Amino acid sequence: MRHNKKFNHLGRKANHRAAMLSNMACSLIMHKRIHTTLAKAKALRIYVEPLLTRAKEDSQANRRLVFSELKQKTVITELFQNVAEKIANRPGGYTRILRTGFRQGDAAEMCIIELVDYNENMLKETKKATKKTTRRAGKKAAHKAEEAPAAEAPAAEAAAE
């Protein structure tokens, strides 16, 4: 039974799981997007998001804490120099999971996990769709638009006569 088990053990011992998540986090930071199973992606998101939050403040203590998890100097420099600049204004939710279907061999659900601020196609779409309207304001504007032509029509008829 898995009562009060807070995270997915992924069918691995603790050392294997820690090494796997560390390597996956390094790959995600370096390549900005990786292709994996859905269960591993969800476990990776829980693992990597606190590290990304730490990277937002570049201090010696934060670098050491992140290095104790990731253990690759090139990844640490990439994280604190490039990735931290892009996520500086984001309050959380640094990763996105996109489901891609099922693996043919064992029907495991596959997905792509990516850093949100590095997907240029999605960023372009969100910039186009930044029109902020509330439901109330939308109804008022639509209602006023319907009234305006109706009010102008009798005035136009009176001017024509």
N, C-alpha and C. Protein backbone atom coordinates (compact mmCIF):
# COMPACT_ATOMS: atom_id res chain seq x y z
N MET A 1 0.84 -1.19 0.00
CA MET A 1 0.00 0.00 0.00
C MET A 1 0.88 1.24 0.00
N ARG A 2 0.35 2.30 -0.58
CA ARG A 2 1.16 3.51 -0.63
C ARG A 2 0.49 4.66 0.14
N HIS A 3 0.03 4.36 1.34
CA HIS A 3 -0.56 5.41 2.17
C HIS A 3 0.50 6.44 2.54
N ASN A 4 0.13 7.70 2.42
CA ASN A 4 0.98 8.83 2.79
C ASN A 4 2.30 8.87 2.03
N LYS A 5 2.33 8.34 0.84
CA LYS A 5 3.51 8.45 -0.02
C LYS A 5 3.30 9.68 -0.89
N LYS A 6 4.16 10.67 -0.73
CA LYS A 6 3.92 11.97 -1.35
C LYS A 6 4.36 12.05 -2.81
N PHE A 7 5.22 11.16 -3.27
CA PHE A 7 5.73 11.28 -4.63
C PHE A 7 5.79 9.90 -5.29
N ASN A 8 5.91 9.89 -6.58
CA ASN A 8 5.97 8.66 -7.36
C ASN A 8 7.38 8.08 -7.26
N HIS A 9 7.48 6.84 -6.86
CA HIS A 9 8.79 6.20 -6.70
C HIS A 9 9.33 5.68 -8.03
N LEU A 10 8.50 5.63 -9.06
CA LEU A 10 8.90 5.28 -10.43
C LEU A 10 9.52 3.89 -10.53
N GLY A 11 9.21 3.00 -9.60
CA GLY A 11 9.71 1.63 -9.66
C GLY A 11 11.21 1.52 -9.51
N ARG A 12 11.83 2.45 -8.79
CA ARG A 12 13.29 2.48 -8.63
C ARG A 12 13.65 2.68 -7.17
N LYS A 13 14.85 2.27 -6.84
CA LYS A 13 15.38 2.54 -5.50
C LYS A 13 15.72 4.03 -5.40
N ALA A 14 15.94 4.52 -4.20
CA ALA A 14 16.12 5.95 -3.97
C ALA A 14 17.33 6.50 -4.71
N ASN A 15 18.45 5.79 -4.69
CA ASN A 15 19.66 6.30 -5.35
C ASN A 15 19.48 6.36 -6.87
N HIS A 16 18.86 5.34 -7.42
CA HIS A 16 18.62 5.31 -8.87
C HIS A 16 17.67 6.43 -9.26
N ARG A 17 16.62 6.62 -8.47
CA ARG A 17 15.64 7.67 -8.77
C ARG A 17 16.28 9.06 -8.68
N ALA A 18 17.11 9.29 -7.68
CA ALA A 18 17.76 10.59 -7.53
C ALA A 18 18.71 10.87 -8.69
N ALA A 19 19.46 9.87 -9.09
CA ALA A 19 20.39 10.04 -10.21
C ALA A 19 19.63 10.28 -11.51
N MET A 20 18.54 9.55 -11.72
CA MET A 20 17.75 9.71 -12.94
C MET A 20 17.13 11.11 -13.01
N LEU A 21 16.55 11.57 -11.91
CA LEU A 21 15.93 12.90 -11.90
C LEU A 21 16.97 13.99 -12.07
N SER A 22 18.15 13.82 -11.49
CA SER A 22 19.22 14.79 -11.65
C SER A 22 19.65 14.88 -13.11
N ASN A 23 19.83 13.73 -13.75
CA ASN A 23 20.23 13.71 -15.15
C ASN A 23 19.14 14.29 -16.05
N MET A 24 17.89 13.98 -15.76
CA MET A 24 16.79 14.52 -16.56
C MET A 24 16.70 16.03 -16.39
N ALA A 25 16.92 16.52 -15.17
CA ALA A 25 16.89 17.97 -14.92
C ALA A 25 18.01 18.66 -15.68
N CYS A 26 19.19 18.05 -15.70
CA CYS A 26 20.31 18.63 -16.44
C CYS A 26 20.00 18.68 -17.94
N SER A 27 19.41 17.61 -18.46
CA SER A 27 19.04 17.59 -19.87
C SER A 27 17.99 18.63 -20.19
N LEU A 28 17.02 18.79 -19.29
CA LEU A 28 15.98 19.79 -19.50
C LEU A 28 16.56 21.20 -19.52
N ILE A 29 17.47 21.49 -18.62
CA ILE A 29 18.06 22.82 -18.56
C ILE A 29 18.94 23.08 -19.79
N MET A 30 19.68 22.10 -20.22
CA MET A 30 20.58 22.28 -21.37
C MET A 30 19.82 22.36 -22.69
N HIS A 31 18.84 21.47 -22.88
CA HIS A 31 18.16 21.37 -24.17
C HIS A 31 16.81 22.09 -24.21
N LYS A 32 16.32 22.52 -23.04
CA LYS A 32 15.07 23.28 -22.89
C LYS A 32 13.82 22.45 -23.16
N ARG A 33 13.97 21.22 -23.65
CA ARG A 33 12.83 20.36 -23.94
C ARG A 33 13.32 18.93 -24.02
N ILE A 34 12.61 18.00 -23.36
CA ILE A 34 12.96 16.59 -23.47
C ILE A 34 11.70 15.76 -23.68
N HIS A 35 11.88 14.60 -24.25
CA HIS A 35 10.80 13.67 -24.57
C HIS A 35 10.90 12.50 -23.61
N THR A 36 9.85 12.25 -22.81
CA THR A 36 9.90 11.21 -21.79
C THR A 36 8.49 10.70 -21.52
N THR A 37 8.37 9.80 -20.54
CA THR A 37 7.04 9.30 -20.17
C THR A 37 6.36 10.32 -19.27
N LEU A 38 5.05 10.22 -19.19
CA LEU A 38 4.28 11.18 -18.41
C LEU A 38 4.61 11.08 -16.92
N ALA A 39 4.77 9.88 -16.40
CA ALA A 39 5.07 9.71 -14.97
C ALA A 39 6.41 10.34 -14.63
N LYS A 40 7.42 10.13 -15.48
CA LYS A 40 8.73 10.73 -15.22
C LYS A 40 8.67 12.24 -15.35
N ALA A 41 7.90 12.75 -16.29
CA ALA A 41 7.78 14.20 -16.47
C ALA A 41 7.13 14.86 -15.26
N LYS A 42 6.12 14.22 -14.70
CA LYS A 42 5.46 14.78 -13.52
C LYS A 42 6.40 14.76 -12.32
N ALA A 43 7.19 13.68 -12.19
CA ALA A 43 8.16 13.62 -11.10
C ALA A 43 9.27 14.65 -11.31
N LEU A 44 9.67 14.85 -12.57
CA LEU A 44 10.72 15.82 -12.88
C LEU A 44 10.26 17.23 -12.60
N ARG A 45 9.00 17.53 -12.88
CA ARG A 45 8.49 18.88 -12.63
C ARG A 45 8.57 19.21 -11.14
N ILE A 46 8.21 18.26 -10.28
CA ILE A 46 8.28 18.47 -8.84
C ILE A 46 9.74 18.66 -8.40
N TYR A 47 10.66 17.98 -9.08
CA TYR A 47 12.08 18.04 -8.73
C TYR A 47 12.74 19.34 -9.20
N VAL A 48 12.42 19.79 -10.42
CA VAL A 48 13.19 20.86 -11.04
C VAL A 48 12.65 22.26 -10.74
N GLU A 49 11.38 22.40 -10.47
CA GLU A 49 10.83 23.74 -10.27
C GLU A 49 11.41 24.45 -9.04
N PRO A 50 11.63 23.77 -7.90
CA PRO A 50 12.31 24.48 -6.79
C PRO A 50 13.74 24.89 -7.14
N LEU A 51 14.41 24.11 -7.98
CA LEU A 51 15.76 24.49 -8.40
C LEU A 51 15.73 25.74 -9.27
N LEU A 52 14.73 25.82 -10.14
CA LEU A 52 14.59 27.01 -10.99
C LEU A 52 14.25 28.24 -10.15
N THR A 53 13.45 28.05 -9.11
CA THR A 53 13.13 29.16 -8.22
C THR A 53 14.39 29.66 -7.51
N ARG A 54 15.24 28.74 -7.09
CA ARG A 54 16.50 29.13 -6.45
C ARG A 54 17.40 29.90 -7.40
N ALA A 55 17.36 29.53 -8.67
CA ALA A 55 18.25 30.15 -9.66
C ALA A 55 17.89 31.60 -9.93
N LYS A 56 16.70 32.03 -9.55
CA LYS A 56 16.29 33.40 -9.81
C LYS A 56 17.14 34.39 -9.02
N GLU A 57 17.66 33.97 -7.87
CA GLU A 57 18.55 34.82 -7.08
C GLU A 57 19.95 34.23 -7.16
N ASP A 58 20.84 34.92 -7.83
CA ASP A 58 22.20 34.41 -8.05
C ASP A 58 23.07 34.73 -6.84
N SER A 59 23.19 33.77 -5.94
CA SER A 59 24.07 33.92 -4.79
C SER A 59 24.91 32.65 -4.66
N GLN A 60 25.98 32.76 -3.91
CA GLN A 60 26.86 31.61 -3.72
C GLN A 60 26.12 30.47 -3.04
N ALA A 61 25.29 30.78 -2.08
CA ALA A 61 24.54 29.75 -1.36
C ALA A 61 23.58 29.02 -2.30
N ASN A 62 22.86 29.78 -3.13
CA ASN A 62 21.93 29.14 -4.06
C ASN A 62 22.66 28.30 -5.09
N ARG A 63 23.80 28.77 -5.57
CA ARG A 63 24.58 27.98 -6.53
C ARG A 63 25.03 26.66 -5.90
N ARG A 64 25.44 26.70 -4.65
CA ARG A 64 25.89 25.47 -3.99
C ARG A 64 24.74 24.51 -3.74
N LEU A 65 23.58 25.05 -3.36
CA LEU A 65 22.43 24.18 -3.14
C LEU A 65 21.97 23.52 -4.43
N VAL A 66 21.95 24.26 -5.52
CA VAL A 66 21.55 23.69 -6.81
C VAL A 66 22.62 22.71 -7.30
N PHE A 67 23.89 23.03 -7.09
CA PHE A 67 24.96 22.13 -7.50
C PHE A 67 24.91 20.82 -6.73
N SER A 68 24.48 20.85 -5.48
CA SER A 68 24.37 19.61 -4.70
C SER A 68 23.33 18.67 -5.30
N GLU A 69 22.38 19.21 -6.05
CA GLU A 69 21.37 18.37 -6.71
C GLU A 69 21.78 17.97 -8.12
N LEU A 70 22.35 18.89 -8.89
CA LEU A 70 22.59 18.64 -10.32
C LEU A 70 23.99 18.13 -10.64
N LYS A 71 25.00 18.60 -9.97
CA LYS A 71 26.37 18.08 -10.07
C LYS A 71 27.05 18.25 -11.43
N GLN A 72 26.65 19.25 -12.22
CA GLN A 72 27.31 19.53 -13.50
C GLN A 72 27.53 21.04 -13.60
N LYS A 73 28.79 21.44 -13.70
CA LYS A 73 29.11 22.87 -13.69
C LYS A 73 28.55 23.60 -14.91
N THR A 74 28.57 22.95 -16.05
CA THR A 74 28.05 23.62 -17.26
C THR A 74 26.56 23.89 -17.14
N VAL A 75 25.85 22.97 -16.52
CA VAL A 75 24.41 23.15 -16.33
C VAL A 75 24.14 24.28 -15.35
N ILE A 76 24.95 24.37 -14.31
CA ILE A 76 24.76 25.42 -13.31
C ILE A 76 24.98 26.80 -13.94
N THR A 77 26.02 26.92 -14.75
CA THR A 77 26.26 28.23 -15.38
C THR A 77 25.16 28.58 -16.37
N GLU A 78 24.68 27.59 -17.12
CA GLU A 78 23.56 27.82 -18.05
C GLU A 78 22.31 28.25 -17.28
N LEU A 79 22.05 27.58 -16.18
CA LEU A 79 20.86 27.87 -15.38
C LEU A 79 20.92 29.27 -14.78
N PHE A 80 22.02 29.63 -14.16
CA PHE A 80 22.10 30.91 -13.47
C PHE A 80 22.32 32.09 -14.41
N GLN A 81 22.89 31.87 -15.60
CA GLN A 81 23.11 32.97 -16.52
C GLN A 81 21.97 33.17 -17.49
N ASN A 82 21.58 32.13 -18.21
CA ASN A 82 20.60 32.28 -19.29
C ASN A 82 19.16 32.02 -18.85
N VAL A 83 18.93 30.89 -18.20
CA VAL A 83 17.56 30.51 -17.85
C VAL A 83 17.00 31.46 -16.79
N ALA A 84 17.81 31.83 -15.81
CA ALA A 84 17.33 32.69 -14.73
C ALA A 84 16.88 34.05 -15.24
N GLU A 85 17.52 34.57 -16.29
CA GLU A 85 17.09 35.85 -16.86
C GLU A 85 15.70 35.76 -17.46
N LYS A 86 15.42 34.63 -18.13
CA LYS A 86 14.12 34.50 -18.78
C LYS A 86 12.99 34.29 -17.79
N ILE A 87 13.27 33.59 -16.68
CA ILE A 87 12.20 33.28 -15.73
C ILE A 87 12.13 34.26 -14.58
N ALA A 88 12.88 35.34 -14.65
CA ALA A 88 12.99 36.27 -13.51
C ALA A 88 11.63 36.85 -13.10
N ASN A 89 10.77 37.15 -14.03
CA ASN A 89 9.49 37.79 -13.71
C ASN A 89 8.35 36.80 -13.51
N ARG A 90 8.60 35.53 -13.73
CA ARG A 90 7.54 34.51 -13.62
C ARG A 90 7.43 34.05 -12.17
N PRO A 91 6.22 34.06 -11.58
CA PRO A 91 6.08 33.68 -10.18
C PRO A 91 6.13 32.17 -9.93
N GLY A 92 6.12 31.37 -10.94
CA GLY A 92 6.14 29.91 -10.79
C GLY A 92 5.66 29.27 -12.08
N GLY A 93 5.57 27.97 -12.11
CA GLY A 93 5.10 27.29 -13.31
C GLY A 93 6.08 27.42 -14.45
N TYR A 94 7.31 26.98 -14.24
CA TYR A 94 8.36 27.17 -15.22
C TYR A 94 8.36 26.11 -16.31
N THR A 95 7.64 25.01 -16.10
CA THR A 95 7.65 23.91 -17.06
C THR A 95 6.25 23.66 -17.60
N ARG A 96 6.20 23.07 -18.77
CA ARG A 96 4.94 22.71 -19.43
C ARG A 96 5.05 21.27 -19.88
N ILE A 97 4.00 20.49 -19.68
CA ILE A 97 3.96 19.10 -20.12
C ILE A 97 2.94 19.00 -21.25
N LEU A 98 3.40 18.53 -22.41
CA LEU A 98 2.54 18.34 -23.57
C LEU A 98 2.48 16.85 -23.88
N ARG A 99 1.31 16.27 -23.81
CA ARG A 99 1.17 14.84 -24.08
C ARG A 99 1.27 14.57 -25.57
N THR A 100 1.98 13.50 -25.92
CA THR A 100 2.22 13.22 -27.34
C THR A 100 1.65 11.90 -27.80
N GLY A 101 1.07 11.11 -26.93
CA GLY A 101 0.51 9.83 -27.35
C GLY A 101 1.06 8.70 -26.51
N PHE A 102 1.06 7.51 -27.10
CA PHE A 102 1.48 6.32 -26.37
C PHE A 102 2.64 5.65 -27.08
N ARG A 103 3.58 5.10 -26.29
CA ARG A 103 4.72 4.41 -26.84
C ARG A 103 4.25 3.07 -27.40
N GLN A 104 4.82 2.69 -28.53
CA GLN A 104 4.33 1.50 -29.21
C GLN A 104 4.65 0.22 -28.46
N GLY A 105 5.82 0.11 -27.86
CA GLY A 105 6.23 -1.14 -27.24
C GLY A 105 5.40 -1.53 -26.03
N ASP A 106 5.19 -0.60 -25.10
CA ASP A 106 4.49 -0.94 -23.86
C ASP A 106 3.29 -0.05 -23.58
N ALA A 107 2.93 0.79 -24.52
CA ALA A 107 1.76 1.68 -24.41
C ALA A 107 1.89 2.66 -23.24
N ALA A 108 3.13 3.02 -22.88
CA ALA A 108 3.32 4.04 -21.85
C ALA A 108 2.97 5.40 -22.45
N GLU A 109 2.32 6.24 -21.66
CA GLU A 109 1.93 7.55 -22.16
C GLU A 109 3.16 8.44 -22.24
N MET A 110 3.43 8.99 -23.41
CA MET A 110 4.62 9.79 -23.65
C MET A 110 4.25 11.27 -23.67
N CYS A 111 5.24 12.11 -23.42
CA CYS A 111 5.00 13.55 -23.40
C CYS A 111 6.30 14.29 -23.65
N ILE A 112 6.16 15.58 -23.83
CA ILE A 112 7.30 16.47 -23.93
C ILE A 112 7.21 17.41 -22.74
N ILE A 113 8.29 17.53 -21.99
CA ILE A 113 8.35 18.52 -20.91
C ILE A 113 9.33 19.58 -21.36
N GLU A 114 8.92 20.85 -21.23
CA GLU A 114 9.74 21.94 -21.74
C GLU A 114 9.70 23.11 -20.77
N LEU A 115 10.69 23.97 -20.91
CA LEU A 115 10.68 25.22 -20.16
C LEU A 115 9.75 26.19 -20.87
N VAL A 116 8.85 26.79 -20.15
CA VAL A 116 7.77 27.60 -20.73
C VAL A 116 8.31 28.78 -21.53
N ASP A 117 9.29 29.47 -21.02
CA ASP A 117 9.76 30.70 -21.65
C ASP A 117 10.63 30.46 -22.88
N TYR A 118 10.88 29.21 -23.24
CA TYR A 118 11.73 28.93 -24.38
C TYR A 118 10.96 28.40 -25.59
N ASN A 119 9.67 28.24 -25.49
CA ASN A 119 8.88 27.79 -26.64
C ASN A 119 8.41 29.02 -27.40
N GLU A 120 9.11 29.34 -28.48
CA GLU A 120 8.85 30.58 -29.23
C GLU A 120 7.47 30.57 -29.89
N ASN A 121 7.01 29.41 -30.36
CA ASN A 121 5.70 29.34 -31.02
C ASN A 121 4.57 29.67 -30.05
N MET A 122 4.64 29.12 -28.84
CA MET A 122 3.59 29.40 -27.86
C MET A 122 3.66 30.85 -27.39
N LEU A 123 4.86 31.41 -27.29
CA LEU A 123 4.99 32.80 -26.87
C LEU A 123 4.36 33.75 -27.88
N LYS A 124 4.50 33.46 -29.17
CA LYS A 124 3.89 34.31 -30.20
C LYS A 124 2.37 34.27 -30.10
N GLU A 125 1.81 33.07 -29.85
CA GLU A 125 0.36 32.94 -29.74
C GLU A 125 -0.17 33.69 -28.53
N THR A 126 0.54 33.63 -27.41
CA THR A 126 0.04 34.32 -26.22
C THR A 126 0.14 35.82 -26.37
N LYS A 127 1.13 36.32 -27.10
CA LYS A 127 1.23 37.76 -27.31
C LYS A 127 0.08 38.26 -28.17
N LYS A 128 -0.35 37.46 -29.13
CA LYS A 128 -1.48 37.85 -29.98
C LYS A 128 -2.78 37.82 -29.19
N ALA A 129 -2.90 36.88 -28.28
CA ALA A 129 -4.15 36.70 -27.54
C ALA A 129 -4.11 37.35 -26.17
N THR A 130 -3.48 38.48 -26.03
CA THR A 130 -3.41 39.15 -24.74
C THR A 130 -4.54 40.14 -24.54
N LYS A 131 -5.57 40.10 -25.35
CA LYS A 131 -6.72 40.97 -25.18
C LYS A 131 -7.46 40.54 -23.92
N LYS A 132 -7.46 41.41 -22.91
CA LYS A 132 -8.07 41.07 -21.63
C LYS A 132 -9.45 41.68 -21.56
N THR A 133 -10.46 40.85 -21.50
CA THR A 133 -11.82 41.32 -21.32
C THR A 133 -12.47 40.47 -20.25
N THR A 134 -13.35 41.08 -19.50
CA THR A 134 -14.10 40.32 -18.53
C THR A 134 -15.46 40.01 -19.13
N ARG A 135 -16.14 39.11 -18.52
CA ARG A 135 -17.45 38.74 -19.06
C ARG A 135 -18.41 39.92 -19.01
N ARG A 136 -18.35 40.65 -17.92
CA ARG A 136 -19.26 41.79 -17.76
C ARG A 136 -18.96 42.86 -18.81
N ALA A 137 -17.70 43.18 -18.97
CA ALA A 137 -17.34 44.22 -19.93
C ALA A 137 -17.70 43.80 -21.34
N GLY A 138 -17.54 42.53 -21.64
CA GLY A 138 -17.87 42.04 -22.97
C GLY A 138 -19.36 42.18 -23.27
N LYS A 139 -20.19 41.90 -22.26
CA LYS A 139 -21.64 42.01 -22.45
C LYS A 139 -22.05 43.47 -22.60
N LYS A 140 -21.44 44.36 -21.83
CA LYS A 140 -21.78 45.78 -21.93
C LYS A 140 -21.41 46.32 -23.31
N ALA A 141 -20.23 45.96 -23.77
CA ALA A 141 -19.78 46.47 -25.07
C ALA A 141 -20.67 45.93 -26.18
N ALA A 142 -21.06 44.66 -26.11
CA ALA A 142 -21.93 44.09 -27.13
C ALA A 142 -23.31 44.74 -27.08
N HIS A 143 -23.81 44.99 -25.86
CA HIS A 143 -25.13 45.59 -25.71
C HIS A 143 -25.13 47.03 -26.24
N LYS A 144 -24.08 47.80 -25.96
CA LYS A 144 -23.99 49.17 -26.45
C LYS A 144 -23.83 49.20 -27.96
N ALA A 145 -23.15 48.23 -28.52
CA ALA A 145 -22.96 48.18 -29.96
C ALA A 145 -24.28 47.92 -30.68
N GLU A 146 -25.15 47.12 -30.05
CA GLU A 146 -26.46 46.86 -30.66
C GLU A 146 -27.35 48.09 -30.56
N GLU A 147 -27.26 48.84 -29.46
CA GLU A 147 -28.10 50.03 -29.28
C GLU A 147 -27.69 51.17 -30.20
N ALA A 148 -26.42 51.33 -30.44
CA ALA A 148 -25.92 52.47 -31.20
C ALA A 148 -26.47 52.50 -32.63
N PRO A 149 -26.45 51.44 -33.41
CA PRO A 149 -27.02 51.53 -34.76
C PRO A 149 -28.53 51.75 -34.74
N ALA A 150 -29.21 51.18 -33.73
CA ALA A 150 -30.65 51.37 -33.65
C ALA A 150 -30.98 52.83 -33.34
N ALA A 151 -30.18 53.49 -32.53
CA ALA A 151 -30.42 54.89 -32.19
C ALA A 151 -30.08 55.80 -33.37
N GLU A 152 -29.09 55.44 -34.14
CA GLU A 152 -28.70 56.26 -35.28
C GLU A 152 -29.65 56.11 -36.46
N ALA A 153 -30.31 54.98 -36.58
CA ALA A 153 -31.19 54.74 -37.72
C ALA A 153 -32.36 55.73 -37.78
N PRO A 154 -33.12 56.00 -36.69
CA PRO A 154 -34.21 56.98 -36.79
C PRO A 154 -33.67 58.38 -37.06
N ALA A 155 -32.53 58.71 -36.54
CA ALA A 155 -31.96 60.04 -36.79
C ALA A 155 -31.59 60.18 -38.25
N ALA A 156 -31.09 59.12 -38.87
CA ALA A 156 -30.74 59.14 -40.28
C ALA A 156 -31.99 59.27 -41.15
N GLU A 157 -33.07 58.58 -40.74
CA GLU A 157 -34.32 58.66 -41.50
C GLU A 157 -34.92 60.07 -41.42
N ALA A 158 -34.84 60.68 -40.23
CA ALA A 158 -35.39 62.03 -40.04
C ALA A 158 -34.60 63.04 -40.86
N ALA A 159 -33.30 62.87 -40.97
CA ALA A 159 -32.48 63.78 -41.74
C ALA A 159 -32.75 63.61 -43.22
N ALA A 160 -33.09 62.40 -43.66
CA ALA A 160 -33.36 62.15 -45.06
C ALA A 160 -34.69 62.77 -45.48
N GLU A 161 -35.65 62.91 -44.59
CA GLU A 161 -36.96 63.47 -44.93
C GLU A 161 -36.91 64.94 -44.94
